[in-house]
Amino acid sequence: MGKIVDELGFPVYRAAVELQTTDNITYTDLDGSFELSSTKNFHWKINISSKGYKSESFFVLDGGNTGAIVLEFDMDLKDMLEDDGQASSPPD
């Protein structure tokens, strides 16, 4: 189990969290929380993806809690958010 947040600390809703090399996938809830389980008794690698964010892989120990995993904004979105707001104004 764990939680997915963005760089600002806000929960990421509906991020896909997949247990690598399996068909086991879940999605984060409104709080960014998720839970996955497996019959395998060793560390897992999870892959996390969500539109507007860079994909991330993360190792989880057996029965472990990942805590908060931070997804970085996709560069295109980041550029848009960091825009200086100096759009050209329409002619008079």
PDB file of N, CA and C in Angstrom:
ATOM      1  N   MET A   1       0.841  -1.184   0.000  1.00  0.00           N
ATOM      2  CA  MET A   1       0.000   0.000   0.000  1.00  0.00           C
ATOM      3  C   MET A   1       0.878   1.236   0.000  1.00  0.00           C
ATOM      4  N   GLY A   2       0.283   2.333  -0.404  1.00  0.00           N
ATOM      5  CA  GLY A   2       1.034   3.573  -0.457  1.00  0.00           C
ATOM      6  C   GLY A   2       0.153   4.712  -0.922  1.00  0.00           C
ATOM      7  N   LYS A   3       0.795   5.819  -1.228  1.00  0.00           N
ATOM      8  CA  LYS A   3       0.092   7.022  -1.659  1.00  0.00           C
ATOM      9  C   LYS A   3       0.916   7.696  -2.745  1.00  0.00           C
ATOM     10  N   ILE A   4       0.224   8.204  -3.779  1.00  0.00           N
ATOM     11  CA  ILE A   4       0.880   8.902  -4.874  1.00  0.00           C
ATOM     12  C   ILE A   4       0.500  10.382  -4.784  1.00  0.00           C
ATOM     13  N   VAL A   5       1.528  11.233  -4.755  1.00  0.00           N
ATOM     14  CA  VAL A   5       1.303  12.683  -4.702  1.00  0.00           C
ATOM     15  C   VAL A   5       2.119  13.340  -5.808  1.00  0.00           C
ATOM     16  N   ASP A   6       1.758  14.597  -6.129  1.00  0.00           N
ATOM     17  CA  ASP A   6       2.534  15.337  -7.123  1.00  0.00           C
ATOM     18  C   ASP A   6       3.607  16.156  -6.420  1.00  0.00           C
ATOM     19  N   GLU A   7       4.352  16.918  -7.186  1.00  0.00           N
ATOM     20  CA  GLU A   7       5.461  17.713  -6.646  1.00  0.00           C
ATOM     21  C   GLU A   7       4.998  18.782  -5.658  1.00  0.00           C
ATOM     22  N   LEU A   8       3.731  19.133  -5.705  1.00  0.00           N
ATOM     23  CA  LEU A   8       3.187  20.124  -4.779  1.00  0.00           C
ATOM     24  C   LEU A   8       2.597  19.486  -3.530  1.00  0.00           C
ATOM     25  N   GLY A   9       2.606  18.136  -3.488  1.00  0.00           N
ATOM     26  CA  GLY A   9       2.079  17.415  -2.340  1.00  0.00           C
ATOM     27  C   GLY A   9       0.605  17.051  -2.452  1.00  0.00           C
ATOM     28  N   PHE A  10      -0.015  17.341  -3.604  1.00  0.00           N
ATOM     29  CA  PHE A  10      -1.425  17.012  -3.800  1.00  0.00           C
ATOM     30  C   PHE A  10      -1.567  15.561  -4.253  1.00  0.00           C
ATOM     31  N   PRO A  11      -2.616  14.865  -3.798  1.00  0.00           N
ATOM     32  CA  PRO A  11      -2.825  13.482  -4.216  1.00  0.00           C
ATOM     33  C   PRO A  11      -3.084  13.383  -5.718  1.00  0.00           C
ATOM     34  N   VAL A  12      -2.589  12.309  -6.326  1.00  0.00           N
ATOM     35  CA  VAL A  12      -2.820  12.059  -7.746  1.00  0.00           C
ATOM     36  C   VAL A  12      -3.938  11.017  -7.851  1.00  0.00           C
ATOM     37  N   TYR A  13      -5.076  11.437  -8.356  1.00  0.00           N
ATOM     38  CA  TYR A  13      -6.256  10.584  -8.489  1.00  0.00           C
ATOM     39  C   TYR A  13      -6.178   9.769  -9.778  1.00  0.00           C
ATOM     40  N   ARG A  14      -6.530   8.505  -9.699  1.00  0.00           N
ATOM     41  CA  ARG A  14      -6.604   7.568 -10.827  1.00  0.00           C
ATOM     42  C   ARG A  14      -5.240   7.286 -11.475  1.00  0.00           C
ATOM     43  N   ALA A  15      -4.171   7.372 -10.706  1.00  0.00           N
ATOM     44  CA  ALA A  15      -2.871   6.932 -11.217  1.00  0.00           C
ATOM     45  C   ALA A  15      -2.894   5.411 -11.279  1.00  0.00           C
ATOM     46  N   ALA A  16      -2.365   4.847 -12.350  1.00  0.00           N
ATOM     47  CA  ALA A  16      -2.290   3.398 -12.499  1.00  0.00           C
ATOM     48  C   ALA A  16      -1.062   2.888 -11.751  1.00  0.00           C
ATOM     49  N   VAL A  17      -1.265   1.891 -10.894  1.00  0.00           N
ATOM     50  CA  VAL A  17      -0.175   1.273 -10.137  1.00  0.00           C
ATOM     51  C   VAL A  17      -0.200  -0.209 -10.501  1.00  0.00           C
ATOM     52  N   GLU A  18       0.875  -0.668 -11.144  1.00  0.00           N
ATOM     53  CA  GLU A  18       0.918  -2.025 -11.678  1.00  0.00           C
ATOM     54  C   GLU A  18       2.072  -2.799 -11.068  1.00  0.00           C
ATOM     55  N   LEU A  19       1.795  -4.023 -10.652  1.00  0.00           N
ATOM     56  CA  LEU A  19       2.834  -4.916 -10.165  1.00  0.00           C
ATOM     57  C   LEU A  19       3.544  -5.481 -11.389  1.00  0.00           C
ATOM     58  N   GLN A  20       4.833  -5.128 -11.547  1.00  0.00           N
ATOM     59  CA  GLN A  20       5.579  -5.489 -12.755  1.00  0.00           C
ATOM     60  C   GLN A  20       5.551  -6.992 -13.002  1.00  0.00           C
ATOM     61  N   THR A  21       5.497  -7.373 -14.265  1.00  0.00           N
ATOM     62  CA  THR A  21       5.464  -8.752 -14.768  1.00  0.00           C
ATOM     63  C   THR A  21       4.201  -9.517 -14.373  1.00  0.00           C
ATOM     64  N   THR A  22       3.145  -8.800 -13.991  1.00  0.00           N
ATOM     65  CA  THR A  22       1.862  -9.434 -13.692  1.00  0.00           C
ATOM     66  C   THR A  22       0.759  -8.614 -14.362  1.00  0.00           C
ATOM     67  N   ASP A  23      -0.453  -9.116 -14.246  1.00  0.00           N
ATOM     68  CA  ASP A  23      -1.620  -8.374 -14.713  1.00  0.00           C
ATOM     69  C   ASP A  23      -2.291  -7.651 -13.551  1.00  0.00           C
ATOM     70  N   ASN A  24      -1.636  -7.614 -12.402  1.00  0.00           N
ATOM     71  CA  ASN A  24      -2.188  -7.018 -11.186  1.00  0.00           C
ATOM     72  C   ASN A  24      -2.019  -5.500 -11.246  1.00  0.00           C
ATOM     73  N   ILE A  25      -3.137  -4.792 -11.386  1.00  0.00           N
ATOM     74  CA  ILE A  25      -3.113  -3.336 -11.500  1.00  0.00           C
ATOM     75  C   ILE A  25      -4.241  -2.755 -10.657  1.00  0.00           C
ATOM     76  N   THR A  26      -3.989  -1.592 -10.101  1.00  0.00           N
ATOM     77  CA  THR A  26      -5.008  -0.872  -9.355  1.00  0.00           C
ATOM     78  C   THR A  26      -4.851   0.614  -9.655  1.00  0.00           C
ATOM     79  N   TYR A  27      -5.803   1.394  -9.178  1.00  0.00           N
ATOM     80  CA  TYR A  27      -5.775   2.838  -9.410  1.00  0.00           C
ATOM     81  C   TYR A  27      -5.917   3.564  -8.080  1.00  0.00           C
ATOM     82  N   THR A  28      -5.274   4.710  -7.977  1.00  0.00           N
ATOM     83  CA  THR A  28      -5.346   5.472  -6.736  1.00  0.00           C
ATOM     84  C   THR A  28      -6.740   6.071  -6.556  1.00  0.00           C
ATOM     85  N   ASP A  29      -7.116   6.256  -5.288  1.00  0.00           N
ATOM     86  CA  ASP A  29      -8.412   6.853  -4.976  1.00  0.00           C
ATOM     87  C   ASP A  29      -8.272   8.373  -4.873  1.00  0.00           C
ATOM     88  N   LEU A  30      -9.303   9.033  -4.391  1.00  0.00           N
ATOM     89  CA  LEU A  30      -9.287  10.502  -4.299  1.00  0.00           C
ATOM     90  C   LEU A  30      -8.151  11.035  -3.430  1.00  0.00           C
ATOM     91  N   ASP A  31      -7.718  10.237  -2.456  1.00  0.00           N
ATOM     92  CA  ASP A  31      -6.620  10.647  -1.576  1.00  0.00           C
ATOM     93  C   ASP A  31      -5.254  10.267  -2.132  1.00  0.00           C
ATOM     94  N   GLY A  32      -5.226   9.653  -3.338  1.00  0.00           N
ATOM     95  CA  GLY A  32      -3.968   9.204  -3.921  1.00  0.00           C
ATOM     96  C   GLY A  32      -3.500   7.871  -3.378  1.00  0.00           C
ATOM     97  N   SER A  33      -4.316   7.226  -2.543  1.00  0.00           N
ATOM     98  CA  SER A  33      -3.931   5.960  -1.915  1.00  0.00           C
ATOM     99  C   SER A  33      -4.209   4.774  -2.823  1.00  0.00           C
ATOM    100  N   PHE A  34      -3.402   3.721  -2.657  1.00  0.00           N
ATOM    101  CA  PHE A  34      -3.601   2.481  -3.407  1.00  0.00           C
ATOM    102  C   PHE A  34      -3.197   1.300  -2.534  1.00  0.00           C
ATOM    103  N   GLU A  35      -3.658   0.113  -2.949  1.00  0.00           N
ATOM    104  CA  GLU A  35      -3.270  -1.108  -2.271  1.00  0.00           C
ATOM    105  C   GLU A  35      -3.203  -2.227  -3.297  1.00  0.00           C
ATOM    106  N   LEU A  36      -2.111  -2.966  -3.285  1.00  0.00           N
ATOM    107  CA  LEU A  36      -1.899  -4.122  -4.156  1.00  0.00           C
ATOM    108  C   LEU A  36      -1.483  -5.294  -3.292  1.00  0.00           C
ATOM    109  N   SER A  37      -1.795  -6.496  -3.737  1.00  0.00           N
ATOM    110  CA  SER A  37      -1.316  -7.673  -3.015  1.00  0.00           C
ATOM    111  C   SER A  37      -0.893  -8.735  -4.015  1.00  0.00           C
ATOM    112  N   SER A  38      -0.049  -9.647  -3.547  1.00  0.00           N
ATOM    113  CA  SER A  38       0.452 -10.726  -4.387  1.00  0.00           C
ATOM    114  C   SER A  38       0.758 -11.927  -3.511  1.00  0.00           C
ATOM    115  N   THR A  39       0.729 -13.098  -4.108  1.00  0.00           N
ATOM    116  CA  THR A  39       1.079 -14.318  -3.370  1.00  0.00           C
ATOM    117  C   THR A  39       2.587 -14.502  -3.285  1.00  0.00           C
ATOM    118  N   LYS A  40       3.346 -13.711  -4.024  1.00  0.00           N
ATOM    119  CA  LYS A  40       4.808 -13.800  -4.002  1.00  0.00           C
ATOM    120  C   LYS A  40       5.339 -13.207  -2.699  1.00  0.00           C
ATOM    121  N   ASN A  41       6.327 -13.868  -2.111  1.00  0.00           N
ATOM    122  CA  ASN A  41       6.885 -13.422  -0.832  1.00  0.00           C
ATOM    123  C   ASN A  41       8.288 -12.852  -0.981  1.00  0.00           C
ATOM    124  N   PHE A  42       8.422 -11.855  -1.816  1.00  0.00           N
ATOM    125  CA  PHE A  42       9.708 -11.166  -1.974  1.00  0.00           C
ATOM    126  C   PHE A  42       9.430  -9.747  -2.433  1.00  0.00           C
ATOM    127  N   HIS A  43      10.475  -8.989  -2.670  1.00  0.00           N
ATOM    128  CA  HIS A  43      10.252  -7.588  -3.057  1.00  0.00           C
ATOM    129  C   HIS A  43       9.601  -7.506  -4.432  1.00  0.00           C
ATOM    130  N   TRP A  44       8.835  -6.472  -4.627  1.00  0.00           N
ATOM    131  CA  TRP A  44       8.098  -6.235  -5.863  1.00  0.00           C
ATOM    132  C   TRP A  44       8.596  -4.950  -6.500  1.00  0.00           C
ATOM    133  N   LYS A  45       8.381  -4.850  -7.779  1.00  0.00           N
ATOM    134  CA  LYS A  45       8.625  -3.595  -8.474  1.00  0.00           C
ATOM    135  C   LYS A  45       7.279  -3.142  -9.025  1.00  0.00           C
ATOM    136  N   ILE A  46       6.896  -1.938  -8.668  1.00  0.00           N
ATOM    137  CA  ILE A  46       5.642  -1.396  -9.172  1.00  0.00           C
ATOM    138  C   ILE A  46       5.947  -0.299 -10.183  1.00  0.00           C
ATOM    139  N   ASN A  47       5.096  -0.203 -11.174  1.00  0.00           N
ATOM    140  CA  ASN A  47       5.186   0.851 -12.183  1.00  0.00           C
ATOM    141  C   ASN A  47       3.988   1.767 -11.997  1.00  0.00           C
ATOM    142  N   ILE A  48       4.227   3.060 -11.977  1.00  0.00           N
ATOM    143  CA  ILE A  48       3.180   4.047 -11.723  1.00  0.00           C
ATOM    144  C   ILE A  48       3.104   4.989 -12.920  1.00  0.00           C
ATOM    145  N   SER A  49       1.888   5.234 -13.390  1.00  0.00           N
ATOM    146  CA  SER A  49       1.723   6.164 -14.499  1.00  0.00           C
ATOM    147  C   SER A  49       0.419   6.924 -14.348  1.00  0.00           C
ATOM    148  N   SER A  50       0.433   8.151 -14.813  1.00  0.00           N
ATOM    149  CA  SER A  50      -0.756   8.998 -14.808  1.00  0.00           C
ATOM    150  C   SER A  50      -0.552  10.097 -15.835  1.00  0.00           C
ATOM    151  N   LYS A  51      -1.602  10.433 -16.543  1.00  0.00           N
ATOM    152  CA  LYS A  51      -1.509  11.467 -17.574  1.00  0.00           C
ATOM    153  C   LYS A  51      -1.058  12.786 -16.950  1.00  0.00           C
ATOM    154  N   GLY A  52      -0.085  13.426 -17.587  1.00  0.00           N
ATOM    155  CA  GLY A  52       0.436  14.699 -17.106  1.00  0.00           C
ATOM    156  C   GLY A  52       1.636  14.557 -16.185  1.00  0.00           C
ATOM    157  N   TYR A  53       2.045  13.291 -15.915  1.00  0.00           N
ATOM    158  CA  TYR A  53       3.164  13.033 -15.014  1.00  0.00           C
ATOM    159  C   TYR A  53       4.151  12.080 -15.675  1.00  0.00           C
ATOM    160  N   LYS A  54       5.416  12.142 -15.255  1.00  0.00           N
ATOM    161  CA  LYS A  54       6.414  11.180 -15.714  1.00  0.00           C
ATOM    162  C   LYS A  54       6.132   9.838 -15.038  1.00  0.00           C
ATOM    163  N   SER A  55       6.289   8.751 -15.790  1.00  0.00           N
ATOM    164  CA  SER A  55       6.121   7.412 -15.224  1.00  0.00           C
ATOM    165  C   SER A  55       7.245   7.146 -14.230  1.00  0.00           C
ATOM    166  N   GLU A  56       6.965   6.299 -13.253  1.00  0.00           N
ATOM    167  CA  GLU A  56       7.923   6.018 -12.182  1.00  0.00           C
ATOM    168  C   GLU A  56       7.878   4.532 -11.858  1.00  0.00           C
ATOM    169  N   SER A  57       9.032   3.969 -11.515  1.00  0.00           N
ATOM    170  CA  SER A  57       9.119   2.594 -11.009  1.00  0.00           C
ATOM    171  C   SER A  57       9.651   2.666  -9.595  1.00  0.00           C
ATOM    172  N   PHE A  58       9.205   1.721  -8.765  1.00  0.00           N
ATOM    173  CA  PHE A  58       9.533   1.783  -7.341  1.00  0.00           C
ATOM    174  C   PHE A  58       9.603   0.368  -6.792  1.00  0.00           C
ATOM    175  N   PHE A  59      10.611   0.048  -5.975  1.00  0.00           N
ATOM    176  CA  PHE A  59      10.715  -1.265  -5.340  1.00  0.00           C
ATOM    177  C   PHE A  59      10.005  -1.238  -3.989  1.00  0.00           C
ATOM    178  N   VAL A  60       9.273  -2.309  -3.707  1.00  0.00           N
ATOM    179  CA  VAL A  60       8.539  -2.448  -2.447  1.00  0.00           C
ATOM    180  C   VAL A  60       8.929  -3.776  -1.822  1.00  0.00           C
ATOM    181  N   LEU A  61       9.298  -3.751  -0.546  1.00  0.00           N
ATOM    182  CA  LEU A  61       9.611  -4.986   0.160  1.00  0.00           C
ATOM    183  C   LEU A  61       8.327  -5.728   0.493  1.00  0.00           C
ATOM    184  N   ASP A  62       8.430  -7.050   0.657  1.00  0.00           N
ATOM    185  CA  ASP A  62       7.280  -7.896   0.967  1.00  0.00           C
ATOM    186  C   ASP A  62       6.477  -7.331   2.127  1.00  0.00           C
ATOM    187  N   GLY A  63       5.191  -7.096   1.912  1.00  0.00           N
ATOM    188  CA  GLY A  63       4.315  -6.591   2.960  1.00  0.00           C
ATOM    189  C   GLY A  63       4.570  -5.141   3.316  1.00  0.00           C
ATOM    190  N   GLY A  64       5.365  -4.457   2.510  1.00  0.00           N
ATOM    191  CA  GLY A  64       5.776  -3.105   2.847  1.00  0.00           C
ATOM    192  C   GLY A  64       4.787  -2.033   2.448  1.00  0.00           C
ATOM    193  N   ASN A  65       4.953  -0.899   3.079  1.00  0.00           N
ATOM    194  CA  ASN A  65       4.187   0.293   2.765  1.00  0.00           C
ATOM    195  C   ASN A  65       5.148   1.265   2.102  1.00  0.00           C
ATOM    196  N   THR A  66       4.786   1.756   0.938  1.00  0.00           N
ATOM    197  CA  THR A  66       5.691   2.643   0.204  1.00  0.00           C
ATOM    198  C   THR A  66       5.754   4.042   0.785  1.00  0.00           C
ATOM    199  N   GLY A  67       4.756   4.407   1.597  1.00  0.00           N
ATOM    200  CA  GLY A  67       4.666   5.796   2.025  1.00  0.00           C
ATOM    201  C   GLY A  67       4.279   6.639   0.825  1.00  0.00           C
ATOM    202  N   ALA A  68       4.613   7.899   0.827  1.00  0.00           N
ATOM    203  CA  ALA A  68       4.255   8.792  -0.282  1.00  0.00           C
ATOM    204  C   ALA A  68       5.290   8.687  -1.401  1.00  0.00           C
ATOM    205  N   ILE A  69       4.810   8.449  -2.614  1.00  0.00           N
ATOM    206  CA  ILE A  69       5.653   8.438  -3.809  1.00  0.00           C
ATOM    207  C   ILE A  69       5.313   9.698  -4.594  1.00  0.00           C
ATOM    208  N   VAL A  70       6.332  10.478  -4.926  1.00  0.00           N
ATOM    209  CA  VAL A  70       6.120  11.744  -5.619  1.00  0.00           C
ATOM    210  C   VAL A  70       6.304  11.551  -7.115  1.00  0.00           C
ATOM    211  N   LEU A  71       5.268  11.895  -7.887  1.00  0.00           N
ATOM    212  CA  LEU A  71       5.371  11.891  -9.339  1.00  0.00           C
ATOM    213  C   LEU A  71       5.729  13.292  -9.807  1.00  0.00           C
ATOM    214  N   GLU A  72       6.676  13.365 -10.735  1.00  0.00           N
ATOM    215  CA  GLU A  72       7.067  14.657 -11.309  1.00  0.00           C
ATOM    216  C   GLU A  72       6.123  14.998 -12.456  1.00  0.00           C
ATOM    217  N   PHE A  73       5.838  16.289 -12.602  1.00  0.00           N
ATOM    218  CA  PHE A  73       5.028  16.741 -13.716  1.00  0.00           C
ATOM    219  C   PHE A  73       5.751  16.435 -15.025  1.00  0.00           C
ATOM    220  N   ASP A  74       5.001  16.106 -16.046  1.00  0.00           N
ATOM    221  CA  ASP A  74       5.536  15.951 -17.387  1.00  0.00           C
ATOM    222  C   ASP A  74       6.077  17.317 -17.802  1.00  0.00           C
ATOM    223  N   MET A  75       7.160  17.366 -18.550  1.00  0.00           N
ATOM    224  CA  MET A  75       7.793  18.647 -18.908  1.00  0.00           C
ATOM    225  C   MET A  75       6.847  19.595 -19.625  1.00  0.00           C
ATOM    226  N   ASP A  76       6.014  19.079 -20.521  1.00  0.00           N
ATOM    227  CA  ASP A  76       5.090  19.953 -21.236  1.00  0.00           C
ATOM    228  C   ASP A  76       4.154  20.653 -20.267  1.00  0.00           C
ATOM    229  N   LEU A  77       3.636  19.908 -19.300  1.00  0.00           N
ATOM    230  CA  LEU A  77       2.747  20.492 -18.306  1.00  0.00           C
ATOM    231  C   LEU A  77       3.521  21.450 -17.409  1.00  0.00           C
ATOM    232  N   LYS A  78       4.727  21.067 -17.035  1.00  0.00           N
ATOM    233  CA  LYS A  78       5.550  21.917 -16.181  1.00  0.00           C
ATOM    234  C   LYS A  78       5.838  23.247 -16.868  1.00  0.00           C
ATOM    235  N   ASP A  79       6.167  23.194 -18.165  1.00  0.00           N
ATOM    236  CA  ASP A  79       6.423  24.421 -18.924  1.00  0.00           C
ATOM    237  C   ASP A  79       5.179  25.305 -18.931  1.00  0.00           C
ATOM    238  N   MET A  80       4.022  24.685 -19.093  1.00  0.00           N
ATOM    239  CA  MET A  80       2.774  25.441 -19.119  1.00  0.00           C
ATOM    240  C   MET A  80       2.514  26.104 -17.763  1.00  0.00           C
ATOM    241  N   LEU A  81       2.799  25.381 -16.668  1.00  0.00           N
ATOM    242  CA  LEU A  81       2.573  25.928 -15.334  1.00  0.00           C
ATOM    243  C   LEU A  81       3.561  27.041 -14.999  1.00  0.00           C
ATOM    244  N   GLU A  82       4.772  26.951 -15.559  1.00  0.00           N
ATOM    245  CA  GLU A  82       5.797  27.950 -15.264  1.00  0.00           C
ATOM    246  C   GLU A  82       5.780  29.103 -16.255  1.00  0.00           C
ATOM    247  N   ASP A  83       4.822  29.124 -17.154  1.00  0.00           N
ATOM    248  CA  ASP A  83       4.702  30.198 -18.141  1.00  0.00           C
ATOM    249  C   ASP A  83       4.651  31.541 -17.416  1.00  0.00           C
ATOM    250  N   ASP A  84       5.357  32.500 -17.924  1.00  0.00           N
ATOM    251  CA  ASP A  84       5.421  33.801 -17.239  1.00  0.00           C
ATOM    252  C   ASP A  84       4.159  34.635 -17.426  1.00  0.00           C
ATOM    253  N   GLY A  85       3.191  34.107 -18.161  1.00  0.00           N
ATOM    254  CA  GLY A  85       1.914  34.808 -18.291  1.00  0.00           C
ATOM    255  C   GLY A  85       1.958  35.990 -19.234  1.00  0.00           C
ATOM    256  N   GLN A  86       2.991  36.147 -20.035  1.00  0.00           N
ATOM    257  CA  GLN A  86       3.100  37.292 -20.936  1.00  0.00           C
ATOM    258  C   GLN A  86       2.626  36.924 -22.331  1.00  0.00           C
ATOM    259  N   ALA A  87       1.387  36.453 -22.405  1.00  0.00           N
ATOM    260  CA  ALA A  87       0.808  36.140 -23.717  1.00  0.00           C
ATOM    261  C   ALA A  87       0.553  37.436 -24.465  1.00  0.00           C
ATOM    262  N   SER A  88       0.646  37.348 -25.765  1.00  0.00           N
ATOM    263  CA  SER A  88       0.406  38.566 -26.555  1.00  0.00           C
ATOM    264  C   SER A  88      -1.059  38.952 -26.464  1.00  0.00           C
ATOM    265  N   SER A  89      -1.309  40.227 -26.347  1.00  0.00           N
ATOM    266  CA  SER A  89      -2.690  40.707 -26.228  1.00  0.00           C
ATOM    267  C   SER A  89      -3.230  40.981 -27.615  1.00  0.00           C
ATOM    268  N   PRO A  90      -4.552  40.829 -27.779  1.00  0.00           N
ATOM    269  CA  PRO A  90      -5.143  41.084 -29.081  1.00  0.00           C
ATOM    270  C   PRO A  90      -5.019  42.553 -29.457  1.00  0.00           C
ATOM    271  N   PRO A  91      -4.963  42.844 -30.758  1.00  0.00           N
ATOM    272  CA  PRO A  91      -4.835  44.247 -31.179  1.00  0.00           C
ATOM    273  C   PRO A  91      -6.094  45.033 -30.805  1.00  0.00           C
ATOM    274  N   ASP A  92      -5.950  46.348 -30.609  1.00  0.00           N
ATOM    275  CA  ASP A  92      -7.091  47.214 -30.247  1.00  0.00           C
ATOM    276  C   ASP A  92      -7.986  47.477 -31.414  1.00  0.00           C
TER     277      ASP A  92
END
